[in-house]
Amino acid sequence: MSNASSGNAVVAYVQNADGTLLPAGSYPTGGSGVGHGLENQGALALSDDGNYLVVVNASSDDVSAFQITGQGLKQTARASSGGRLPVSITEKNGLVYVLNRGGEAGDPKGDNISGLRLGTDGSLTPIPGSTLSLSSTNTNPAQIEFSPNGNLIVVTEHGGGQIDTYTVDGNGVAGGHKVQPSAGQGPFGFAFRGASQLYVSEAGGGTASSYTIDAQGDLQIVSGAVQTQQTTTCWLVITPDGKEAYVTNTASGSVSEFSVGANGTLSLQESIAARTQGGPLDMAITSNALYLDVLTAAGNIEVFRIDQRTGSLTQVQMVTGLPAGSNGLVSF
């Protein structure tokens, strides 16, 4: 998304079989962004069924939904985020939860999560009783995401050094809030492998950690704070086969590669799997697992081919010209 303060928009591309990107339109959200970095992961999210895209509008404190059609995106709804300064969003089985960084925005209620129901017509309806606080009012939270089975919600508190977990009941209402310490400093981006393994990047120490997570949201460390040998390790993605994890190191201008063991262990494969022009931010792996798309602070999307045997990265293309402060990335 453009994240422009004058009016947020989703910027779309078609990705060819060779990985190259072609512009495919810009779609206003009706809301507004902040025009600068959000220190977040997951500003956009695809619905489970692939029919909808949901997007945060950080400055106007709301979220937008779009239907994905053969002719592009069609906006279907816009609704309150349930708090101030929404920075991350997730969807599972028609449930949408938003992470609001209210403490930074001066909201006396502080940071929270809040739920909406995504209708089959693309409507967004608030879920009563779904707005819950984090560990404290101002934690600089970075990401929210459902577990693959939809039974849990996880939030990283970049500033608070904590990981929040919530259970989700049959009505889509979050509860059972637990706050647990991160294995490394500054937990930031994360991804699941199956319902019971969680992988988290840690910006404060240039590290990443892995955990097992049970049905109640309790975490057990598998690999704690494994060094990338780089700095500000912020965003994390896992390949569809679950064998590699990539993290972006924003201050170092690099991407690191970890191999992932069957039991969830993380082992540094390449400290510098790729270098980028401009600090790398969010990432997305294509659904065919052949390419890694990386958004940078310079307003570029850099496309890398993933070696299917080793996981090594080779640059294919660099798309330039995105607005400053562009944020979030999904691929499908």
C-alpha atoms as a PDB file:
ATOM      1  CA  MET A   1       0.000   0.000   0.000  1.00  0.00           C
ATOM      2  CA  SER A   2       1.138   3.570  -0.663  1.00  0.00           C
ATOM      3  CA  ASN A   3       0.504   4.654   2.973  1.00  0.00           C
ATOM      4  CA  ALA A   4       0.222   8.229   1.674  1.00  0.00           C
ATOM      5  CA  SER A   5      -1.101  10.852   4.075  1.00  0.00           C
ATOM      6  CA  SER A   6      -2.989  12.453   1.174  1.00  0.00           C
ATOM      7  CA  GLY A   7      -4.894   9.213   0.580  1.00  0.00           C
ATOM      8  CA  ASN A   8      -3.903   5.573   0.963  1.00  0.00           C
ATOM      9  CA  ALA A   9      -4.018   3.211  -2.037  1.00  0.00           C
ATOM     10  CA  VAL A  10      -3.188  -0.369  -2.894  1.00  0.00           C
ATOM     11  CA  VAL A  11      -0.567  -0.539  -5.653  1.00  0.00           C
ATOM     12  CA  ALA A  12      -0.915  -3.714  -7.727  1.00  0.00           C
ATOM     13  CA  TYR A  13       1.422  -5.634 -10.030  1.00  0.00           C
ATOM     14  CA  VAL A  14       1.175  -8.714 -12.203  1.00  0.00           C
ATOM     15  CA  GLN A  15       4.054 -11.131 -11.595  1.00  0.00           C
ATOM     16  CA  ASN A  16       5.134 -12.995 -14.721  1.00  0.00           C
ATOM     17  CA  ALA A  17       6.354 -16.592 -14.805  1.00  0.00           C
ATOM     18  CA  ASP A  18       9.957 -15.313 -14.868  1.00  0.00           C
ATOM     19  CA  GLY A  19       9.358 -13.312 -11.665  1.00  0.00           C
ATOM     20  CA  THR A  20       9.276  -9.876 -13.261  1.00  0.00           C
ATOM     21  CA  LEU A  21       6.594  -7.412 -12.183  1.00  0.00           C
ATOM     22  CA  LEU A  22       4.358  -5.270 -14.401  1.00  0.00           C
ATOM     23  CA  PRO A  23       2.201  -2.398 -13.059  1.00  0.00           C
ATOM     24  CA  ALA A  24      -1.478  -3.354 -12.764  1.00  0.00           C
ATOM     25  CA  GLY A  25      -3.157  -0.298 -11.274  1.00  0.00           C
ATOM     26  CA  SER A  26      -3.621   1.688  -8.086  1.00  0.00           C
ATOM     27  CA  TYR A  27      -6.765   1.402  -5.972  1.00  0.00           C
ATOM     28  CA  PRO A  28      -7.667   4.086  -3.385  1.00  0.00           C
ATOM     29  CA  THR A  29      -8.716   2.690   0.003  1.00  0.00           C
ATOM     30  CA  GLY A  30     -10.801   5.729   0.971  1.00  0.00           C
ATOM     31  CA  GLY A  31      -8.647   6.137   4.065  1.00  0.00           C
ATOM     32  CA  SER A  32      -5.298   7.777   4.701  1.00  0.00           C
ATOM     33  CA  GLY A  33      -1.830   6.639   5.670  1.00  0.00           C
ATOM     34  CA  VAL A  34       0.913   8.389   7.594  1.00  0.00           C
ATOM     35  CA  GLY A  35       3.467   8.880   4.810  1.00  0.00           C
ATOM     36  CA  HIS A  36       6.359   7.254   6.662  1.00  0.00           C
ATOM     37  CA  GLY A  37       7.478   3.894   8.024  1.00  0.00           C
ATOM     38  CA  LEU A  38       5.167   2.114  10.451  1.00  0.00           C
ATOM     39  CA  GLU A  39       7.610  -0.391  12.027  1.00  0.00           C
ATOM     40  CA  ASN A  40       5.133  -3.183  11.346  1.00  0.00           C
ATOM     41  CA  GLN A  41       4.549  -6.415   9.480  1.00  0.00           C
ATOM     42  CA  GLY A  42       1.247  -7.330   7.836  1.00  0.00           C
ATOM     43  CA  ALA A  43      -0.389  -4.031   6.814  1.00  0.00           C
ATOM     44  CA  LEU A  44      -2.235  -5.998   4.129  1.00  0.00           C
ATOM     45  CA  ALA A  45      -3.684  -9.506   4.350  1.00  0.00           C
ATOM     46  CA  LEU A  46      -5.340 -11.903   1.925  1.00  0.00           C
ATOM     47  CA  SER A  47      -8.474 -13.745   2.971  1.00  0.00           C
ATOM     48  CA  ASP A  48      -8.189 -17.497   3.344  1.00  0.00           C
ATOM     49  CA  ASP A  49     -10.347 -18.116   0.292  1.00  0.00           C
ATOM     50  CA  GLY A  50      -8.283 -15.732  -1.858  1.00  0.00           C
ATOM     51  CA  ASN A  51     -11.314 -13.568  -2.670  1.00  0.00           C
ATOM     52  CA  TYR A  52     -10.571 -10.511  -0.546  1.00  0.00           C
ATOM     53  CA  LEU A  53      -7.748  -8.205   0.484  1.00  0.00           C
ATOM     54  CA  VAL A  54      -7.935  -6.249   3.759  1.00  0.00           C
ATOM     55  CA  VAL A  55      -5.780  -3.164   4.371  1.00  0.00           C
ATOM     56  CA  VAL A  56      -5.063  -0.813   7.294  1.00  0.00           C
ATOM     57  CA  ASN A  57      -5.406   2.964   6.978  1.00  0.00           C
ATOM     58  CA  ALA A  58      -3.092   4.078   9.770  1.00  0.00           C
ATOM     59  CA  SER A  59      -3.913   7.787   9.884  1.00  0.00           C
ATOM     60  CA  SER A  60      -7.702   7.563   9.516  1.00  0.00           C
ATOM     61  CA  ASP A  61      -8.002   4.758  12.099  1.00  0.00           C
ATOM     62  CA  ASP A  62      -9.907   2.382   9.842  1.00  0.00           C
ATOM     63  CA  VAL A  63      -9.526  -0.583   7.512  1.00  0.00           C
ATOM     64  CA  SER A  64     -10.646  -1.262   3.945  1.00  0.00           C
ATOM     65  CA  ALA A  65     -11.701  -4.452   2.180  1.00  0.00           C
ATOM     66  CA  PHE A  66     -11.379  -5.194  -1.530  1.00  0.00           C
ATOM     67  CA  GLN A  67     -12.762  -8.013  -3.635  1.00  0.00           C
ATOM     68  CA  ILE A  68     -10.110  -9.531  -5.900  1.00  0.00           C
ATOM     69  CA  THR A  69     -11.508  -9.866  -9.425  1.00  0.00           C
ATOM     70  CA  GLY A  70     -10.163 -10.701 -12.854  1.00  0.00           C
ATOM     71  CA  GLN A  71     -10.316  -6.990 -13.633  1.00  0.00           C
ATOM     72  CA  GLY A  72      -8.477  -5.863 -10.504  1.00  0.00           C
ATOM     73  CA  LEU A  73      -9.627  -4.769  -7.043  1.00  0.00           C
ATOM     74  CA  LYS A  74     -13.137  -3.614  -6.137  1.00  0.00           C
ATOM     75  CA  GLN A  75     -13.609  -1.937  -2.760  1.00  0.00           C
ATOM     76  CA  THR A  76     -16.419  -3.507  -0.746  1.00  0.00           C
ATOM     77  CA  ALA A  77     -16.159  -1.957   2.719  1.00  0.00           C
ATOM     78  CA  ARG A  78     -14.435   0.454   5.042  1.00  0.00           C
ATOM     79  CA  ALA A  79     -14.842   0.273   8.810  1.00  0.00           C
ATOM     80  CA  SER A  80     -13.322   1.506  12.068  1.00  0.00           C
ATOM     81  CA  SER A  81     -10.268  -0.408  13.249  1.00  0.00           C
ATOM     82  CA  GLY A  82     -11.583  -0.400  16.822  1.00  0.00           C
ATOM     83  CA  GLY A  83      -8.731   1.781  18.037  1.00  0.00           C
ATOM     84  CA  ARG A  84      -6.134   4.332  16.967  1.00  0.00           C
ATOM     85  CA  LEU A  85      -3.253   3.898  14.500  1.00  0.00           C
ATOM     86  CA  PRO A  86      -3.953   0.450  12.989  1.00  0.00           C
ATOM     87  CA  VAL A  87      -0.666  -1.078  11.793  1.00  0.00           C
ATOM     88  CA  SER A  88      -1.284  -4.780  11.128  1.00  0.00           C
ATOM     89  CA  ILE A  89      -4.234  -6.946  10.075  1.00  0.00           C
ATOM     90  CA  THR A  90      -5.024 -10.659   9.736  1.00  0.00           C
ATOM     91  CA  GLU A  91      -7.925 -12.769   8.389  1.00  0.00           C
ATOM     92  CA  LYS A  92      -9.035 -16.350   8.953  1.00  0.00           C
ATOM     93  CA  ASN A  93     -12.338 -17.992   7.990  1.00  0.00           C
ATOM     94  CA  GLY A  94     -14.180 -14.687   7.723  1.00  0.00           C
ATOM     95  CA  LEU A  95     -12.730 -13.213  10.933  1.00  0.00           C
ATOM     96  CA  VAL A  96     -10.549 -10.105  10.713  1.00  0.00           C
ATOM     97  CA  TYR A  97      -8.453  -8.833  13.616  1.00  0.00           C
ATOM     98  CA  VAL A  98      -6.627  -5.509  13.650  1.00  0.00           C
ATOM     99  CA  LEU A  99      -3.653  -4.428  15.749  1.00  0.00           C
ATOM    100  CA  ASN A 100      -3.932  -0.799  16.887  1.00  0.00           C
ATOM    101  CA  ARG A 101      -0.926   1.120  18.216  1.00  0.00           C
ATOM    102  CA  GLY A 102      -3.056   3.482  20.268  1.00  0.00           C
ATOM    103  CA  GLY A 103      -0.362   4.328  22.799  1.00  0.00           C
ATOM    104  CA  GLU A 104       1.735   6.015  20.119  1.00  0.00           C
ATOM    105  CA  ALA A 105      -1.331   7.898  18.864  1.00  0.00           C
ATOM    106  CA  GLY A 106      -2.097   9.267  22.315  1.00  0.00           C
ATOM    107  CA  ASP A 107      -5.187   7.136  22.881  1.00  0.00           C
ATOM    108  CA  PRO A 108      -5.697   6.790  26.660  1.00  0.00           C
ATOM    109  CA  LYS A 109      -6.965   3.242  26.034  1.00  0.00           C
ATOM    110  CA  GLY A 110      -3.559   2.381  24.603  1.00  0.00           C
ATOM    111  CA  ASP A 111      -2.603  -0.487  22.305  1.00  0.00           C
ATOM    112  CA  ASN A 112      -5.270  -3.066  21.494  1.00  0.00           C
ATOM    113  CA  ILE A 113      -6.600  -5.688  19.127  1.00  0.00           C
ATOM    114  CA  SER A 114     -10.116  -5.551  17.715  1.00  0.00           C
ATOM    115  CA  GLY A 115     -12.175  -7.921  15.582  1.00  0.00           C
ATOM    116  CA  LEU A 116     -14.507  -7.602  12.609  1.00  0.00           C
ATOM    117  CA  ARG A 117     -16.439 -10.127  10.575  1.00  0.00           C
ATOM    118  CA  LEU A 118     -15.780 -10.223   6.818  1.00  0.00           C
ATOM    119  CA  GLY A 119     -19.038 -11.103   5.093  1.00  0.00           C
ATOM    120  CA  THR A 120     -19.350 -13.145   1.923  1.00  0.00           C
ATOM    121  CA  ASP A 121     -20.309  -9.852   0.253  1.00  0.00           C
ATOM    122  CA  GLY A 122     -17.094  -8.198   1.464  1.00  0.00           C
ATOM    123  CA  SER A 123     -18.755  -6.242   4.280  1.00  0.00           C
ATOM    124  CA  LEU A 124     -16.938  -5.553   7.564  1.00  0.00           C
ATOM    125  CA  THR A 125     -18.918  -5.714  10.819  1.00  0.00           C
ATOM    126  CA  PRO A 126     -17.411  -5.118  14.307  1.00  0.00           C
ATOM    127  CA  ILE A 127     -17.528  -8.125  16.665  1.00  0.00           C
ATOM    128  CA  PRO A 128     -18.940  -7.156  20.092  1.00  0.00           C
ATOM    129  CA  GLY A 129     -16.550  -7.853  22.958  1.00  0.00           C
ATOM    130  CA  SER A 130     -13.544  -8.418  20.679  1.00  0.00           C
ATOM    131  CA  THR A 131     -11.499  -5.330  21.615  1.00  0.00           C
ATOM    132  CA  LEU A 132      -8.746  -6.316  24.067  1.00  0.00           C
ATOM    133  CA  SER A 133      -5.656  -4.602  25.435  1.00  0.00           C
ATOM    134  CA  LEU A 134      -2.044  -5.713  25.106  1.00  0.00           C
ATOM    135  CA  SER A 135       0.330  -6.069  28.074  1.00  0.00           C
ATOM    136  CA  SER A 136       0.381  -2.309  28.669  1.00  0.00           C
ATOM    137  CA  THR A 137      -0.772   0.901  27.017  1.00  0.00           C
ATOM    138  CA  ASN A 138       2.322   1.667  24.911  1.00  0.00           C
ATOM    139  CA  THR A 139       4.224  -1.402  23.665  1.00  0.00           C
ATOM    140  CA  ASN A 140       5.055  -0.387  20.059  1.00  0.00           C
ATOM    141  CA  PRO A 141       3.452  -3.600  18.736  1.00  0.00           C
ATOM    142  CA  ALA A 142       4.507  -4.774  15.275  1.00  0.00           C
ATOM    143  CA  GLN A 143       2.340  -7.633  13.974  1.00  0.00           C
ATOM    144  CA  ILE A 144      -0.874  -9.581  14.507  1.00  0.00           C
ATOM    145  CA  GLU A 145      -1.677 -12.935  12.903  1.00  0.00           C
ATOM    146  CA  PHE A 146      -3.988 -15.913  13.290  1.00  0.00           C
ATOM    147  CA  SER A 147      -2.552 -19.383  13.712  1.00  0.00           C
ATOM    148  CA  PRO A 148      -3.188 -21.574  10.635  1.00  0.00           C
ATOM    149  CA  ASN A 149      -6.145 -23.297  12.318  1.00  0.00           C
ATOM    150  CA  GLY A 150      -7.620 -19.967  13.453  1.00  0.00           C
ATOM    151  CA  ASN A 151      -7.739 -20.950  17.124  1.00  0.00           C
ATOM    152  CA  LEU A 152      -5.074 -18.489  18.280  1.00  0.00           C
ATOM    153  CA  ILE A 153      -4.038 -14.893  17.678  1.00  0.00           C
ATOM    154  CA  VAL A 154      -0.417 -13.815  18.238  1.00  0.00           C
ATOM    155  CA  VAL A 155       0.927 -10.257  18.631  1.00  0.00           C
ATOM    156  CA  THR A 156       4.547  -9.130  18.938  1.00  0.00           C
ATOM    157  CA  GLU A 157       5.348  -6.184  21.209  1.00  0.00           C
ATOM    158  CA  HIS A 158       8.464  -4.678  19.667  1.00  0.00           C
ATOM    159  CA  GLY A 159       8.831  -2.071  22.397  1.00  0.00           C
ATOM    160  CA  GLY A 160       7.570  -4.193  25.270  1.00  0.00           C
ATOM    161  CA  GLY A 161       9.727  -7.234  24.553  1.00  0.00           C
ATOM    162  CA  GLN A 162       6.715  -9.508  24.970  1.00  0.00           C
ATOM    163  CA  ILE A 163       4.639 -11.870  22.846  1.00  0.00           C
ATOM    164  CA  ASP A 164       0.868 -11.803  23.396  1.00  0.00           C
ATOM    165  CA  THR A 165      -1.348 -14.795  22.652  1.00  0.00           C
ATOM    166  CA  TYR A 166      -5.147 -14.986  22.627  1.00  0.00           C
ATOM    167  CA  THR A 167      -7.513 -17.903  22.146  1.00  0.00           C
ATOM    168  CA  VAL A 168     -10.472 -17.431  19.772  1.00  0.00           C
ATOM    169  CA  ASP A 169     -13.891 -18.860  20.655  1.00  0.00           C
ATOM    170  CA  GLY A 170     -16.628 -20.167  18.349  1.00  0.00           C
ATOM    171  CA  ASN A 171     -18.141 -16.676  18.056  1.00  0.00           C
ATOM    172  CA  GLY A 172     -14.870 -15.181  16.858  1.00  0.00           C
ATOM    173  CA  VAL A 173     -14.214 -13.390  20.157  1.00  0.00           C
ATOM    174  CA  ALA A 174     -10.623 -13.313  21.411  1.00  0.00           C
ATOM    175  CA  GLY A 175      -9.867 -14.117  25.060  1.00  0.00           C
ATOM    176  CA  GLY A 176      -7.490 -16.106  27.233  1.00  0.00           C
ATOM    177  CA  HIS A 177      -4.858 -13.376  26.959  1.00  0.00           C
ATOM    178  CA  LYS A 178      -1.336 -14.479  27.887  1.00  0.00           C
ATOM    179  CA  VAL A 179       1.819 -12.341  27.929  1.00  0.00           C
ATOM    180  CA  GLN A 180       5.149 -14.140  27.600  1.00  0.00           C
ATOM    181  CA  PRO A 181       8.724 -12.841  27.320  1.00  0.00           C
ATOM    182  CA  SER A 182      10.465 -12.904  23.961  1.00  0.00           C
ATOM    183  CA  ALA A 183      13.632 -14.998  23.680  1.00  0.00           C
ATOM    184  CA  GLY A 184      15.358 -12.072  21.946  1.00  0.00           C
ATOM    185  CA  GLN A 185      15.265  -8.271  22.098  1.00  0.00           C
ATOM    186  CA  GLY A 186      12.556  -6.429  20.180  1.00  0.00           C
ATOM    187  CA  PRO A 187      10.271  -9.154  18.767  1.00  0.00           C
ATOM    188  CA  PHE A 188       8.969  -7.905  15.441  1.00  0.00           C
ATOM    189  CA  GLY A 189       7.823 -10.033  12.476  1.00  0.00           C
ATOM    190  CA  PHE A 190       6.731 -13.650  12.689  1.00  0.00           C
ATOM    191  CA  ALA A 191       5.304 -16.594  10.801  1.00  0.00           C
ATOM    192  CA  PHE A 192       3.783 -19.962  11.644  1.00  0.00           C
ATOM    193  CA  ARG A 193       4.790 -23.384  10.349  1.00  0.00           C
ATOM    194  CA  GLY A 194       1.709 -25.459  10.970  1.00  0.00           C
ATOM    195  CA  ALA A 195      -0.377 -24.762  14.050  1.00  0.00           C
ATOM    196  CA  SER A 196       2.304 -25.597  16.602  1.00  0.00           C
ATOM    197  CA  GLN A 197       5.517 -23.831  15.493  1.00  0.00           C
ATOM    198  CA  LEU A 198       6.174 -20.076  15.614  1.00  0.00           C
ATOM    199  CA  TYR A 199       9.171 -18.183  14.195  1.00  0.00           C
ATOM    200  CA  VAL A 200       9.947 -14.601  15.274  1.00  0.00           C
ATOM    201  CA  SER A 201      12.478 -12.008  14.128  1.00  0.00           C
ATOM    202  CA  GLU A 202      14.046  -9.745  16.767  1.00  0.00           C
ATOM    203  CA  ALA A 203      15.067  -6.259  15.699  1.00  0.00           C
ATOM    204  CA  GLY A 204      16.862  -5.351  18.909  1.00  0.00           C
ATOM    205  CA  GLY A 205      19.542  -8.018  18.669  1.00  0.00           C
ATOM    206  CA  GLY A 206      19.695  -8.944  14.981  1.00  0.00           C
ATOM    207  CA  THR A 207      18.342 -12.386  15.842  1.00  0.00           C
ATOM    208  CA  ALA A 208      15.491 -14.819  15.244  1.00  0.00           C
ATOM    209  CA  SER A 209      13.879 -17.406  17.503  1.00  0.00           C
ATOM    210  CA  SER A 210      11.599 -20.404  17.158  1.00  0.00           C
ATOM    211  CA  TYR A 211       8.976 -21.724  19.554  1.00  0.00           C
ATOM    212  CA  THR A 212       6.419 -24.437  19.925  1.00  0.00           C
ATOM    213  CA  ILE A 213       2.956 -23.098  20.731  1.00  0.00           C
ATOM    214  CA  ASP A 214       0.124 -25.147  22.213  1.00  0.00           C
ATOM    215  CA  ALA A 215      -3.655 -24.793  21.921  1.00  0.00           C
ATOM    216  CA  GLN A 216      -3.769 -22.445  24.940  1.00  0.00           C
ATOM    217  CA  GLY A 217      -1.120 -20.134  23.502  1.00  0.00           C
ATOM    218  CA  ASP A 218       1.739 -21.222  25.779  1.00  0.00           C
ATOM    219  CA  LEU A 219       5.185 -20.838  24.196  1.00  0.00           C
ATOM    220  CA  GLN A 220       8.251 -23.041  24.615  1.00  0.00           C
ATOM    221  CA  ILE A 221      11.587 -21.934  23.144  1.00  0.00           C
ATOM    222  CA  VAL A 222      13.163 -24.257  20.564  1.00  0.00           C
ATOM    223  CA  SER A 223      15.953 -21.991  19.224  1.00  0.00           C
ATOM    224  CA  GLY A 224      16.487 -18.792  21.198  1.00  0.00           C
ATOM    225  CA  ALA A 225      17.880 -15.575  19.667  1.00  0.00           C
ATOM    226  CA  VAL A 226      19.939 -17.103  16.840  1.00  0.00           C
ATOM    227  CA  GLN A 227      22.265 -14.460  15.390  1.00  0.00           C
ATOM    228  CA  THR A 228      22.024 -13.237  11.794  1.00  0.00           C
ATOM    229  CA  GLN A 229      25.338 -11.350  12.240  1.00  0.00           C
ATOM    230  CA  GLN A 230      23.404  -8.361  10.845  1.00  0.00           C
ATOM    231  CA  THR A 231      21.440  -5.520  12.481  1.00  0.00           C
ATOM    232  CA  THR A 232      17.736  -4.613  12.900  1.00  0.00           C
ATOM    233  CA  THR A 233      16.319  -7.975  11.877  1.00  0.00           C
ATOM    234  CA  CYS A 234      12.703  -6.954  11.401  1.00  0.00           C
ATOM    235  CA  TRP A 235      10.623  -8.966   8.893  1.00  0.00           C
ATOM    236  CA  LEU A 236      10.333 -12.738   8.588  1.00  0.00           C
ATOM    237  CA  VAL A 237       8.791 -15.171   6.088  1.00  0.00           C
ATOM    238  CA  ILE A 238       8.911 -18.962   5.689  1.00  0.00           C
ATOM    239  CA  THR A 239       8.908 -20.894   2.416  1.00  0.00           C
ATOM    240  CA  PRO A 240       5.754 -22.929   1.675  1.00  0.00           C
ATOM    241  CA  ASP A 241       7.643 -26.197   2.269  1.00  0.00           C
ATOM    242  CA  GLY A 242       8.759 -24.899   5.684  1.00  0.00           C
ATOM    243  CA  LYS A 243      12.434 -25.614   5.088  1.00  0.00           C
ATOM    244  CA  GLU A 244      13.802 -22.051   4.919  1.00  0.00           C
ATOM    245  CA  ALA A 245      13.105 -18.788   6.700  1.00  0.00           C
ATOM    246  CA  TYR A 246      14.216 -15.398   5.404  1.00  0.00           C
ATOM    247  CA  VAL A 247      14.611 -12.233   7.466  1.00  0.00           C
ATOM    248  CA  THR A 248      15.291  -8.677   6.375  1.00  0.00           C
ATOM    249  CA  ASN A 249      17.991  -6.685   8.170  1.00  0.00           C
ATOM    250  CA  THR A 250      16.939  -3.105   7.580  1.00  0.00           C
ATOM    251  CA  ALA A 251      19.986  -1.199   8.818  1.00  0.00           C
ATOM    252  CA  SER A 252      22.382  -3.692   7.202  1.00  0.00           C
ATOM    253  CA  GLY A 253      20.621  -3.599   3.821  1.00  0.00           C
ATOM    254  CA  SER A 254      20.553  -7.386   3.633  1.00  0.00           C
ATOM    255  CA  VAL A 255      18.434 -10.531   3.706  1.00  0.00           C
ATOM    256  CA  SER A 256      19.531 -13.533   5.801  1.00  0.00           C
ATOM    257  CA  GLU A 257      18.547 -17.172   5.272  1.00  0.00           C
ATOM    258  CA  PHE A 258      17.892 -19.747   8.006  1.00  0.00           C
ATOM    259  CA  SER A 259      17.363 -23.459   7.497  1.00  0.00           C
ATOM    260  CA  VAL A 260      14.504 -24.865   9.569  1.00  0.00           C
ATOM    261  CA  GLY A 261      14.762 -28.316  11.136  1.00  0.00           C
ATOM    262  CA  ALA A 262      11.891 -30.779  11.394  1.00  0.00           C
ATOM    263  CA  ASN A 263      11.576 -30.022  15.116  1.00  0.00           C
ATOM    264  CA  GLY A 264      11.617 -26.253  14.500  1.00  0.00           C
ATOM    265  CA  THR A 265      15.288 -25.486  15.111  1.00  0.00           C
ATOM    266  CA  LEU A 266      16.756 -22.488  13.305  1.00  0.00           C
ATOM    267  CA  SER A 267      20.261 -22.626  11.802  1.00  0.00           C
ATOM    268  CA  LEU A 268      21.862 -19.681  10.026  1.00  0.00           C
ATOM    269  CA  GLN A 269      22.434 -20.717   6.422  1.00  0.00           C
ATOM    270  CA  GLU A 270      23.621 -17.407   4.938  1.00  0.00           C
ATOM    271  CA  SER A 271      24.173 -14.239   6.942  1.00  0.00           C
ATOM    272  CA  ILE A 272      23.950 -12.274   3.696  1.00  0.00           C
ATOM    273  CA  ALA A 273      21.779 -14.214   1.255  1.00  0.00           C
ATOM    274  CA  ALA A 274      21.151 -10.984  -0.676  1.00  0.00           C
ATOM    275  CA  ARG A 275      21.908  -7.282  -0.512  1.00  0.00           C
ATOM    276  CA  THR A 276      19.311  -4.637  -1.302  1.00  0.00           C
ATOM    277  CA  GLN A 277      19.420  -1.031  -2.468  1.00  0.00           C
ATOM    278  CA  GLY A 278      17.771   0.724   0.442  1.00  0.00           C
ATOM    279  CA  GLY A 279      16.889  -0.866   3.743  1.00  0.00           C
ATOM    280  CA  PRO A 280      14.717  -3.957   3.177  1.00  0.00           C
ATOM    281  CA  LEU A 281      11.330  -3.942   4.849  1.00  0.00           C
ATOM    282  CA  ASP A 282       8.445  -6.323   4.238  1.00  0.00           C
ATOM    283  CA  MET A 283       8.676  -9.510   2.166  1.00  0.00           C
ATOM    284  CA  ALA A 284       6.389 -11.998   0.432  1.00  0.00           C
ATOM    285  CA  ILE A 285       7.072 -15.370  -1.164  1.00  0.00           C
ATOM    286  CA  THR A 286       5.111 -16.186  -4.311  1.00  0.00           C
ATOM    287  CA  SER A 287       2.582 -19.009  -4.057  1.00  0.00           C
ATOM    288  CA  ASN A 288       4.713 -21.191  -6.354  1.00  0.00           C
ATOM    289  CA  ALA A 289       7.664 -20.664  -3.954  1.00  0.00           C
ATOM    290  CA  LEU A 290       9.932 -19.562  -6.816  1.00  0.00           C
ATOM    291  CA  TYR A 291      10.412 -15.884  -5.932  1.00  0.00           C
ATOM    292  CA  LEU A 292      10.943 -13.646  -2.924  1.00  0.00           C
ATOM    293  CA  ASP A 293       9.578 -10.099  -3.292  1.00  0.00           C
ATOM    294  CA  VAL A 294      11.178  -7.514  -0.988  1.00  0.00           C
ATOM    295  CA  LEU A 295       9.912  -3.976  -0.351  1.00  0.00           C
ATOM    296  CA  THR A 296      12.628  -1.447   0.548  1.00  0.00           C
ATOM    297  CA  ALA A 297      12.699   1.932   2.262  1.00  0.00           C
ATOM    298  CA  ALA A 298      13.930   3.429  -1.026  1.00  0.00           C
ATOM    299  CA  GLY A 299      10.511   2.787  -2.591  1.00  0.00           C
ATOM    300  CA  ASN A 300      11.598  -0.305  -4.533  1.00  0.00           C
ATOM    301  CA  ILE A 301      10.363  -3.855  -4.859  1.00  0.00           C
ATOM    302  CA  GLU A 302      13.312  -6.168  -5.432  1.00  0.00           C
ATOM    303  CA  VAL A 303      12.535  -9.618  -6.819  1.00  0.00           C
ATOM    304  CA  PHE A 304      14.814 -12.582  -6.041  1.00  0.00           C
ATOM    305  CA  ARG A 305      14.707 -16.082  -7.487  1.00  0.00           C
ATOM    306  CA  ILE A 306      14.804 -18.785  -4.794  1.00  0.00           C
ATOM    307  CA  ASP A 307      17.060 -21.723  -5.589  1.00  0.00           C
ATOM    308  CA  GLN A 308      14.819 -24.736  -5.007  1.00  0.00           C
ATOM    309  CA  ARG A 309      17.720 -26.882  -3.798  1.00  0.00           C
ATOM    310  CA  THR A 310      19.695 -24.549  -1.558  1.00  0.00           C
ATOM    311  CA  GLY A 311      17.343 -21.623  -0.880  1.00  0.00           C
ATOM    312  CA  SER A 312      19.947 -19.130  -2.125  1.00  0.00           C
ATOM    313  CA  LEU A 313      18.728 -15.884  -3.708  1.00  0.00           C
ATOM    314  CA  THR A 314      19.477 -14.317  -7.108  1.00  0.00           C
ATOM    315  CA  GLN A 315      18.083 -10.916  -8.055  1.00  0.00           C
ATOM    316  CA  VAL A 316      15.733 -10.884 -11.031  1.00  0.00           C
ATOM    317  CA  GLN A 317      14.384  -7.323 -11.077  1.00  0.00           C
ATOM    318  CA  MET A 318      14.150  -4.052  -9.160  1.00  0.00           C
ATOM    319  CA  VAL A 319      10.948  -2.033  -9.553  1.00  0.00           C
ATOM    320  CA  THR A 320      11.357   1.639  -8.554  1.00  0.00           C
ATOM    321  CA  GLY A 321       9.084   4.607  -8.027  1.00  0.00           C
ATOM    322  CA  LEU A 322       6.855   3.627  -5.116  1.00  0.00           C
ATOM    323  CA  PRO A 323       5.945   6.505  -2.776  1.00  0.00           C
ATOM    324  CA  ALA A 324       8.091   7.141   0.283  1.00  0.00           C
ATOM    325  CA  GLY A 325       6.588   5.306   3.235  1.00  0.00           C
ATOM    326  CA  SER A 326       5.025   2.551   1.125  1.00  0.00           C
ATOM    327  CA  ASN A 327       4.183  -0.312   3.432  1.00  0.00           C
ATOM    328  CA  GLY A 328       3.174  -3.961   3.408  1.00  0.00           C
ATOM    329  CA  LEU A 329       3.412  -6.634   0.741  1.00  0.00           C
ATOM    330  CA  VAL A 330       1.355  -9.682  -0.235  1.00  0.00           C
ATOM    331  CA  SER A 331       1.774 -12.083  -3.146  1.00  0.00           C
ATOM    332  CA  PHE A 332      -0.673 -14.621  -4.569  1.00  0.00           C
END
